[in-house]
PDB file of N, CA and C in Angstrom:
ATOM      1  N   MET A   1    -110.810   5.633 -81.504  1.00  0.00           N
ATOM      2  CA  MET A   1    -110.129   6.191 -82.713  1.00  0.00           C
ATOM      3  C   MET A   1    -110.003   7.720 -82.584  1.00  0.00           C
ATOM      4  N   LYS A   2    -110.883   8.339 -82.031  1.00  0.00           N
ATOM      5  CA  LYS A   2    -110.792   9.895 -81.941  1.00  0.00           C
ATOM      6  C   LYS A   2    -109.539  10.295 -81.284  1.00  0.00           C
ATOM      7  N   THR A   3    -109.026   9.603 -80.418  1.00  0.00           N
ATOM      8  CA  THR A   3    -107.738   9.925 -79.614  1.00  0.00           C
ATOM      9  C   THR A   3    -106.601   9.679 -80.409  1.00  0.00           C
ATOM     10  N   GLU A   4    -106.647   8.949 -81.590  1.00  0.00           N
ATOM     11  CA  GLU A   4    -105.472   8.497 -82.254  1.00  0.00           C
ATOM     12  C   GLU A   4    -105.039   9.574 -83.433  1.00  0.00           C
ATOM     13  N   TYR A   5    -106.033  10.556 -83.629  1.00  0.00           N
ATOM     14  CA  TYR A   5    -105.743  11.594 -84.652  1.00  0.00           C
ATOM     15  C   TYR A   5    -104.552  12.504 -84.289  1.00  0.00           C
ATOM     16  N   THR A   6    -104.370  12.901 -83.051  1.00  0.00           N
ATOM     17  CA  THR A   6    -103.393  13.804 -82.652  1.00  0.00           C
ATOM     18  C   THR A   6    -102.040  13.459 -83.050  1.00  0.00           C
ATOM     19  N   ASN A   7    -101.628  12.190 -82.865  1.00  0.00           N
ATOM     20  CA  ASN A   7    -100.279  11.719 -83.126  1.00  0.00           C
ATOM     21  C   ASN A   7    -100.108  10.845 -84.435  1.00  0.00           C
ATOM     22  N   ASP A   8    -101.171  10.857 -85.199  1.00  0.00           N
ATOM     23  CA  ASP A   8    -101.198   9.962 -86.343  1.00  0.00           C
ATOM     24  C   ASP A   8    -100.259  10.572 -87.418  1.00  0.00           C
ATOM     25  N   GLU A   9     -99.583   9.562 -88.069  1.00  0.00           N
ATOM     26  CA  GLU A   9     -98.530  10.007 -89.042  1.00  0.00           C
ATOM     27  C   GLU A   9     -99.362  10.707 -90.316  1.00  0.00           C
ATOM     28  N   ASP A  10    -100.545  10.144 -90.563  1.00  0.00           N
ATOM     29  CA  ASP A  10    -101.214  10.480 -91.757  1.00  0.00           C
ATOM     30  C   ASP A  10    -102.125  11.786 -91.532  1.00  0.00           C
ATOM     31  N   PHE A  11    -102.751  11.857 -90.380  1.00  0.00           N
ATOM     32  CA  PHE A  11    -103.687  13.032 -90.060  1.00  0.00           C
ATOM     33  C   PHE A  11    -103.349  13.915 -89.065  1.00  0.00           C
ATOM     34  N   GLY A  12    -102.257  13.604 -88.282  1.00  0.00           N
ATOM     35  CA  GLY A  12    -101.940  14.474 -87.101  1.00  0.00           C
ATOM     36  C   GLY A  12    -101.887  15.920 -87.343  1.00  0.00           C
ATOM     37  N   SER A  13    -101.120  16.397 -88.302  1.00  0.00           N
ATOM     38  CA  SER A  13    -101.050  17.847 -88.666  1.00  0.00           C
ATOM     39  C   SER A  13    -102.313  18.482 -89.012  1.00  0.00           C
ATOM     40  N   VAL A  14    -103.142  17.847 -89.767  1.00  0.00           N
ATOM     41  CA  VAL A  14    -104.518  18.286 -90.146  1.00  0.00           C
ATOM     42  C   VAL A  14    -105.316  18.407 -88.922  1.00  0.00           C
ATOM     43  N   TRP A  15    -105.417  17.271 -88.165  1.00  0.00           N
ATOM     44  CA  TRP A  15    -106.245  17.318 -86.867  1.00  0.00           C
ATOM     45  C   TRP A  15    -105.775  18.286 -85.959  1.00  0.00           C
ATOM     46  N   ASN A  16    -104.581  18.593 -85.645  1.00  0.00           N
ATOM     47  CA  ASN A  16    -104.046  19.495 -84.774  1.00  0.00           C
ATOM     48  C   ASN A  16    -104.306  21.058 -85.228  1.00  0.00           C
ATOM     49  N   ASN A  17    -104.404  21.130 -86.531  1.00  0.00           N
ATOM     50  CA  ASN A  17    -104.747  22.455 -87.124  1.00  0.00           C
ATOM     51  C   ASN A  17    -106.212  22.796 -86.829  1.00  0.00           C
ATOM     52  N   ILE A  18    -107.151  21.774 -87.130  1.00  0.00           N
ATOM     53  CA  ILE A  18    -108.475  21.895 -86.889  1.00  0.00           C
ATOM     54  C   ILE A  18    -108.814  22.049 -85.441  1.00  0.00           C
ATOM     55  N   SER A  19    -108.052  21.339 -84.504  1.00  0.00           N
ATOM     56  CA  SER A  19    -108.306  21.636 -83.092  1.00  0.00           C
ATOM     57  C   SER A  19    -108.001  22.963 -82.554  1.00  0.00           C
ATOM     58  N   LYS A  20    -106.826  23.515 -83.066  1.00  0.00           N
ATOM     59  CA  LYS A  20    -106.383  24.870 -82.717  1.00  0.00           C
ATOM     60  C   LYS A  20    -107.323  25.981 -83.194  1.00  0.00           C
ATOM     61  N   GLN A  21    -107.734  25.798 -84.475  1.00  0.00           N
ATOM     62  CA  GLN A  21    -108.516  26.895 -85.140  1.00  0.00           C
ATOM     63  C   GLN A  21    -110.010  26.692 -84.839  1.00  0.00           C
ATOM     64  N   GLY A  22    -110.425  25.483 -84.457  1.00  0.00           N
ATOM     65  CA  GLY A  22    -111.837  25.213 -84.210  1.00  0.00           C
ATOM     66  C   GLY A  22    -112.706  25.221 -85.448  1.00  0.00           C
ATOM     67  N   HIS A  23    -112.046  25.056 -86.563  1.00  0.00           N
ATOM     68  CA  HIS A  23    -112.807  24.895 -87.774  1.00  0.00           C
ATOM     69  C   HIS A  23    -112.034  24.181 -88.832  1.00  0.00           C
ATOM     70  N   ILE A  24    -112.418  24.159 -90.128  1.00  0.00           N
ATOM     71  CA  ILE A  24    -111.867  23.339 -91.079  1.00  0.00           C
ATOM     72  C   ILE A  24    -110.439  23.927 -91.353  1.00  0.00           C
ATOM     73  N   ALA A  25    -109.479  23.085 -91.341  1.00  0.00           N
ATOM     74  CA  ALA A  25    -108.023  23.477 -91.433  1.00  0.00           C
ATOM     75  C   ALA A  25    -107.767  23.605 -92.986  1.00  0.00           C
ATOM     76  N   GLU A  26    -108.152  22.623 -93.748  1.00  0.00           N
ATOM     77  CA  GLU A  26    -108.064  22.636 -95.043  1.00  0.00           C
ATOM     78  C   GLU A  26    -109.330  22.453 -95.732  1.00  0.00           C
ATOM     79  N   LYS A  27    -109.611  22.939 -96.887  1.00  0.00           N
ATOM     80  CA  LYS A  27    -111.089  23.092 -97.338  1.00  0.00           C
ATOM     81  C   LYS A  27    -111.624  21.648 -97.516  1.00  0.00           C
ATOM     82  N   GLU A  28    -110.977  20.700 -97.652  1.00  0.00           N
ATOM     83  CA  GLU A  28    -111.464  19.403 -97.851  1.00  0.00           C
ATOM     84  C   GLU A  28    -111.632  18.528 -96.577  1.00  0.00           C
ATOM     85  N   TYR A  29    -111.159  19.039 -95.496  1.00  0.00           N
ATOM     86  CA  TYR A  29    -111.090  18.217 -94.183  1.00  0.00           C
ATOM     87  C   TYR A  29    -112.145  18.975 -93.308  1.00  0.00           C
ATOM     88  N   VAL A  30    -112.796  18.078 -92.505  1.00  0.00           N
ATOM     89  CA  VAL A  30    -113.758  18.643 -91.543  1.00  0.00           C
ATOM     90  C   VAL A  30    -113.837  17.789 -90.342  1.00  0.00           C
ATOM     91  N   SER A  31    -114.002  18.258 -89.235  1.00  0.00           N
ATOM     92  CA  SER A  31    -114.340  17.524 -87.988  1.00  0.00           C
ATOM     93  C   SER A  31    -115.775  17.501 -87.548  1.00  0.00           C
ATOM     94  N   ARG A  32    -116.197  16.238 -87.472  1.00  0.00           N
ATOM     95  CA  ARG A  32    -117.745  16.172 -87.008  1.00  0.00           C
ATOM     96  C   ARG A  32    -117.880  15.223 -85.891  1.00  0.00           C
ATOM     97  N   ASP A  33    -118.188  15.552 -84.815  1.00  0.00           N
ATOM     98  CA  ASP A  33    -118.443  14.727 -83.569  1.00  0.00           C
ATOM     99  C   ASP A  33    -117.222  14.102 -83.277  1.00  0.00           C
ATOM    100  N   GLY A  34    -116.140  14.814 -83.364  1.00  0.00           N
ATOM    101  CA  GLY A  34    -114.705  14.283 -82.896  1.00  0.00           C
ATOM    102  C   GLY A  34    -114.017  13.304 -83.888  1.00  0.00           C
ATOM    103  N   PHE A  35    -114.656  13.121 -85.093  1.00  0.00           N
ATOM    104  CA  PHE A  35    -114.141  12.425 -86.126  1.00  0.00           C
ATOM    105  C   PHE A  35    -113.679  13.306 -87.217  1.00  0.00           C
ATOM    106  N   LEU A  36    -112.685  12.824 -87.875  1.00  0.00           N
ATOM    107  CA  LEU A  36    -112.073  13.677 -89.025  1.00  0.00           C
ATOM    108  C   LEU A  36    -112.651  12.949 -90.376  1.00  0.00           C
ATOM    109  N   PHE A  37    -113.015  13.805 -91.271  1.00  0.00           N
ATOM    110  CA  PHE A  37    -113.441  13.461 -92.523  1.00  0.00           C
ATOM    111  C   PHE A  37    -112.765  14.178 -93.589  1.00  0.00           C
ATOM    112  N   PHE A  38    -112.419  13.479 -94.750  1.00  0.00           N
ATOM    113  CA  PHE A  38    -111.830  13.981 -96.036  1.00  0.00           C
ATOM    114  C   PHE A  38    -113.063  13.998 -96.969  1.00  0.00           C
ATOM    115  N   LYS A  39    -113.667  15.103 -97.273  1.00  0.00           N
ATOM    116  CA  LYS A  39    -114.834  15.129 -98.089  1.00  0.00           C
ATOM    117  C   LYS A  39    -115.905  14.331 -97.382  1.00  0.00           C
ATOM    118  N   SER A  40    -116.518  13.148 -97.790  1.00  0.00           N
ATOM    119  CA  SER A  40    -117.426  12.420 -97.192  1.00  0.00           C
ATOM    120  C   SER A  40    -116.825  11.214 -96.589  1.00  0.00           C
ATOM    121  N   GLN A  41    -115.498  10.958 -96.686  1.00  0.00           N
ATOM    122  CA  GLN A  41    -114.966   9.767 -96.182  1.00  0.00           C
ATOM    123  C   GLN A  41    -114.208   9.850 -94.779  1.00  0.00           C
ATOM    124  N   LEU A  42    -114.523   8.856 -93.959  1.00  0.00           N
ATOM    125  CA  LEU A  42    -113.974   9.018 -92.603  1.00  0.00           C
ATOM    126  C   LEU A  42    -112.481   8.785 -92.697  1.00  0.00           C
ATOM    127  N   CYS A  43    -111.777   9.545 -92.068  1.00  0.00           N
ATOM    128  CA  CYS A  43    -110.187   9.375 -92.046  1.00  0.00           C
ATOM    129  C   CYS A  43    -109.970   8.265 -90.946  1.00  0.00           C
ATOM    130  N   VAL A  44    -109.301   7.244 -91.281  1.00  0.00           N
ATOM    131  CA  VAL A  44    -108.945   6.199 -90.253  1.00  0.00           C
ATOM    132  C   VAL A  44    -107.397   6.161 -89.980  1.00  0.00           C
ATOM    133  N   PRO A  45    -107.046   6.576 -88.717  1.00  0.00           N
ATOM    134  CA  PRO A  45    -105.684   6.564 -88.450  1.00  0.00           C
ATOM    135  C   PRO A  45    -105.059   5.209 -88.460  1.00  0.00           C
ATOM    136  N   ARG A  46    -103.778   5.254 -88.620  1.00  0.00           N
ATOM    137  CA  ARG A  46    -102.887   4.004 -88.628  1.00  0.00           C
ATOM    138  C   ARG A  46    -103.075   3.215 -87.425  1.00  0.00           C
ATOM    139  N   GLY A  47    -103.137   2.036 -87.499  1.00  0.00           N
ATOM    140  CA  GLY A  47    -103.288   1.198 -86.171  1.00  0.00           C
ATOM    141  C   GLY A  47    -104.189  -0.013 -86.418  1.00  0.00           C
ATOM    142  N   SER A  48    -104.601  -0.652 -85.354  1.00  0.00           N
ATOM    143  CA  SER A  48    -105.261  -1.862 -85.422  1.00  0.00           C
ATOM    144  C   SER A  48    -106.754  -1.692 -85.920  1.00  0.00           C
ATOM    145  N   PHE A  49    -107.346  -0.494 -85.812  1.00  0.00           N
ATOM    146  CA  PHE A  49    -108.675  -0.331 -86.331  1.00  0.00           C
ATOM    147  C   PHE A  49    -108.662  -0.339 -87.855  1.00  0.00           C
ATOM    148  N   ARG A  50    -107.670   0.257 -88.418  1.00  0.00           N
ATOM    149  CA  ARG A  50    -107.429   0.387 -89.968  1.00  0.00           C
ATOM    150  C   ARG A  50    -107.317  -1.091 -90.418  1.00  0.00           C
ATOM    151  N   GLU A  51    -106.496  -1.878 -89.794  1.00  0.00           N
ATOM    152  CA  GLU A  51    -106.192  -3.263 -90.139  1.00  0.00           C
ATOM    153  C   GLU A  51    -107.513  -4.153 -89.983  1.00  0.00           C
ATOM    154  N   PHE A  52    -108.237  -3.831 -88.913  1.00  0.00           N
ATOM    155  CA  PHE A  52    -109.587  -4.560 -88.722  1.00  0.00           C
ATOM    156  C   PHE A  52    -110.493  -4.232 -89.911  1.00  0.00           C
ATOM    157  N   LEU A  53    -110.620  -2.989 -90.282  1.00  0.00           N
ATOM    158  CA  LEU A  53    -111.528  -2.599 -91.312  1.00  0.00           C
ATOM    159  C   LEU A  53    -111.137  -3.374 -92.596  1.00  0.00           C
ATOM    160  N   ILE A  54    -109.906  -3.290 -92.985  1.00  0.00           N
ATOM    161  CA  ILE A  54    -109.469  -3.889 -94.298  1.00  0.00           C
ATOM    162  C   ILE A  54    -109.764  -5.496 -94.127  1.00  0.00           C
ATOM    163  N   THR A  55    -109.449  -6.166 -93.017  1.00  0.00           N
ATOM    164  CA  THR A  55    -109.619  -7.566 -93.006  1.00  0.00           C
ATOM    165  C   THR A  55    -111.109  -7.876 -93.115  1.00  0.00           C
ATOM    166  N   LYS A  56    -111.960  -6.988 -92.288  1.00  0.00           N
ATOM    167  CA  LYS A  56    -113.408  -7.355 -92.479  1.00  0.00           C
ATOM    168  C   LYS A  56    -113.995  -7.090 -93.845  1.00  0.00           C
ATOM    169  N   LEU A  57    -113.622  -6.053 -94.537  1.00  0.00           N
ATOM    170  CA  LEU A  57    -113.947  -5.748 -95.730  1.00  0.00           C
ATOM    171  C   LEU A  57    -113.510  -6.832 -96.789  1.00  0.00           C
ATOM    172  N   HIS A  58    -112.358  -7.344 -96.589  1.00  0.00           N
ATOM    173  CA  HIS A  58    -111.790  -8.358 -97.469  1.00  0.00           C
ATOM    174  C   HIS A  58    -112.509  -9.799 -97.361  1.00  0.00           C
ATOM    175  N   GLY A  59    -112.625 -10.127 -96.048  1.00  0.00           N
ATOM    176  CA  GLY A  59    -113.103 -11.644 -96.065  1.00  0.00           C
ATOM    177  C   GLY A  59    -114.122 -11.763 -95.002  1.00  0.00           C
ATOM    178  N   GLY A  60    -114.530 -10.729 -94.364  1.00  0.00           N
ATOM    179  CA  GLY A  60    -115.497 -10.853 -93.235  1.00  0.00           C
ATOM    180  C   GLY A  60    -116.912 -10.596 -93.688  1.00  0.00           C
ATOM    181  N   GLY A  61    -117.688 -10.278 -92.744  1.00  0.00           N
ATOM    182  CA  GLY A  61    -119.230 -10.209 -92.889  1.00  0.00           C
ATOM    183  C   GLY A  61    -119.692  -8.988 -93.501  1.00  0.00           C
ATOM    184  N   LEU A  62    -118.794  -7.845 -93.698  1.00  0.00           N
ATOM    185  CA  LEU A  62    -119.275  -6.647 -94.115  1.00  0.00           C
ATOM    186  C   LEU A  62    -119.481  -6.657 -95.579  1.00  0.00           C
ATOM    187  N   ALA A  63    -118.744  -7.405 -96.323  1.00  0.00           N
ATOM    188  CA  ALA A  63    -118.927  -7.271 -97.771  1.00  0.00           C
ATOM    189  C   ALA A  63    -118.646  -8.711 -98.598  1.00  0.00           C
ATOM    190  N   GLY A  64    -118.422  -9.596 -97.850  1.00  0.00           N
ATOM    191  CA  GLY A  64    -118.114 -10.865 -98.547  1.00  0.00           C
ATOM    192  C   GLY A  64    -116.586 -10.978 -98.707  1.00  0.00           C
ATOM    193  N   HIS A  65    -116.292 -11.971 -99.530  1.00  0.00           N
ATOM    194  CA  HIS A  65    -114.784 -12.253 -99.810  1.00  0.00           C
ATOM    195  C   HIS A  65    -114.431 -11.700-101.150  1.00  0.00           C
ATOM    196  N   PHE A  66    -113.638 -10.807-101.280  1.00  0.00           N
ATOM    197  CA  PHE A  66    -113.260 -10.091-102.483  1.00  0.00           C
ATOM    198  C   PHE A  66    -111.688 -10.300-102.551  1.00  0.00           C
ATOM    199  N   GLY A  67    -111.295 -10.114-103.873  1.00  0.00           N
ATOM    200  CA  GLY A  67    -109.804  -9.968-104.064  1.00  0.00           C
ATOM    201  C   GLY A  67    -109.290  -8.599-103.652  1.00  0.00           C
ATOM    202  N   HIS A  68    -107.953  -8.475-103.878  1.00  0.00           N
ATOM    203  CA  HIS A  68    -107.297  -7.234-103.505  1.00  0.00           C
ATOM    204  C   HIS A  68    -107.866  -6.068-104.177  1.00  0.00           C
ATOM    205  N   ASP A  69    -108.144  -5.996-105.527  1.00  0.00           N
ATOM    206  CA  ASP A  69    -108.664  -4.744-106.140  1.00  0.00           C
ATOM    207  C   ASP A  69    -110.000  -4.387-105.710  1.00  0.00           C
ATOM    208  N   LYS A  70    -110.898  -5.431-105.531  1.00  0.00           N
ATOM    209  CA  LYS A  70    -112.252  -5.087-105.097  1.00  0.00           C
ATOM    210  C   LYS A  70    -112.240  -4.572-103.571  1.00  0.00           C
ATOM    211  N   THR A  71    -111.550  -5.250-102.701  1.00  0.00           N
ATOM    212  CA  THR A  71    -111.239  -4.819-101.391  1.00  0.00           C
ATOM    213  C   THR A  71    -110.850  -3.354-101.350  1.00  0.00           C
ATOM    214  N   PHE A  72    -109.746  -3.009-102.118  1.00  0.00           N
ATOM    215  CA  PHE A  72    -109.224  -1.690-102.168  1.00  0.00           C
ATOM    216  C   PHE A  72    -110.262  -0.741-102.560  1.00  0.00           C
ATOM    217  N   ALA A  73    -111.048  -1.048-103.585  1.00  0.00           N
ATOM    218  CA  ALA A  73    -112.081  -0.165-104.064  1.00  0.00           C
ATOM    219  C   ALA A  73    -113.143   0.139-103.033  1.00  0.00           C
ATOM    220  N   ILE A  74    -113.568  -0.942-102.248  1.00  0.00           N
ATOM    221  CA  ILE A  74    -114.560  -0.707-101.138  1.00  0.00           C
ATOM    222  C   ILE A  74    -114.080   0.157-100.134  1.00  0.00           C
ATOM    223  N   VAL A  75    -112.713  -0.130 -99.674  1.00  0.00           N
ATOM    224  CA  VAL A  75    -112.242   0.727 -98.637  1.00  0.00           C
ATOM    225  C   VAL A  75    -112.077   2.184 -98.982  1.00  0.00           C
ATOM    226  N   ALA A  76    -111.655   2.371-100.257  1.00  0.00           N
ATOM    227  CA  ALA A  76    -111.371   3.776-100.728  1.00  0.00           C
ATOM    228  C   ALA A  76    -112.600   4.579-100.934  1.00  0.00           C
ATOM    229  N   ASP A  77    -113.643   3.747-101.181  1.00  0.00           N
ATOM    230  CA  ASP A  77    -114.918   4.416-101.483  1.00  0.00           C
ATOM    231  C   ASP A  77    -115.461   4.978-100.038  1.00  0.00           C
ATOM    232  N   ARG A  78    -115.329   4.235 -98.908  1.00  0.00           N
ATOM    233  CA  ARG A  78    -115.856   4.650 -97.631  1.00  0.00           C
ATOM    234  C   ARG A  78    -114.943   5.430 -96.663  1.00  0.00           C
ATOM    235  N   PHE A  79    -113.625   5.035 -96.753  1.00  0.00           N
ATOM    236  CA  PHE A  79    -112.658   5.523 -95.748  1.00  0.00           C
ATOM    237  C   PHE A  79    -111.471   6.209 -96.513  1.00  0.00           C
ATOM    238  N   TYR A  80    -110.859   7.114 -95.803  1.00  0.00           N
ATOM    239  CA  TYR A  80    -109.660   7.749 -96.274  1.00  0.00           C
ATOM    240  C   TYR A  80    -108.440   7.518 -95.274  1.00  0.00           C
TER     241      TYR A  80
END
């Protein structure tokens, strides 16, 4: 996932700014251990891992089976 930030449509510019400057690019974003966070939420780049998280939180073992609204709330609480 760490390697996906550079070219990601959602986080690429923020990640590249942080990488160049070596610190927080925008006051709400931070890089920790090679992962990008927005406030306390892990930024998940577009791709198969994002889809995996949504699938698991919707009907998998991480949170049981919830409807669309509950699944969205769970994902939005933990991930950005």
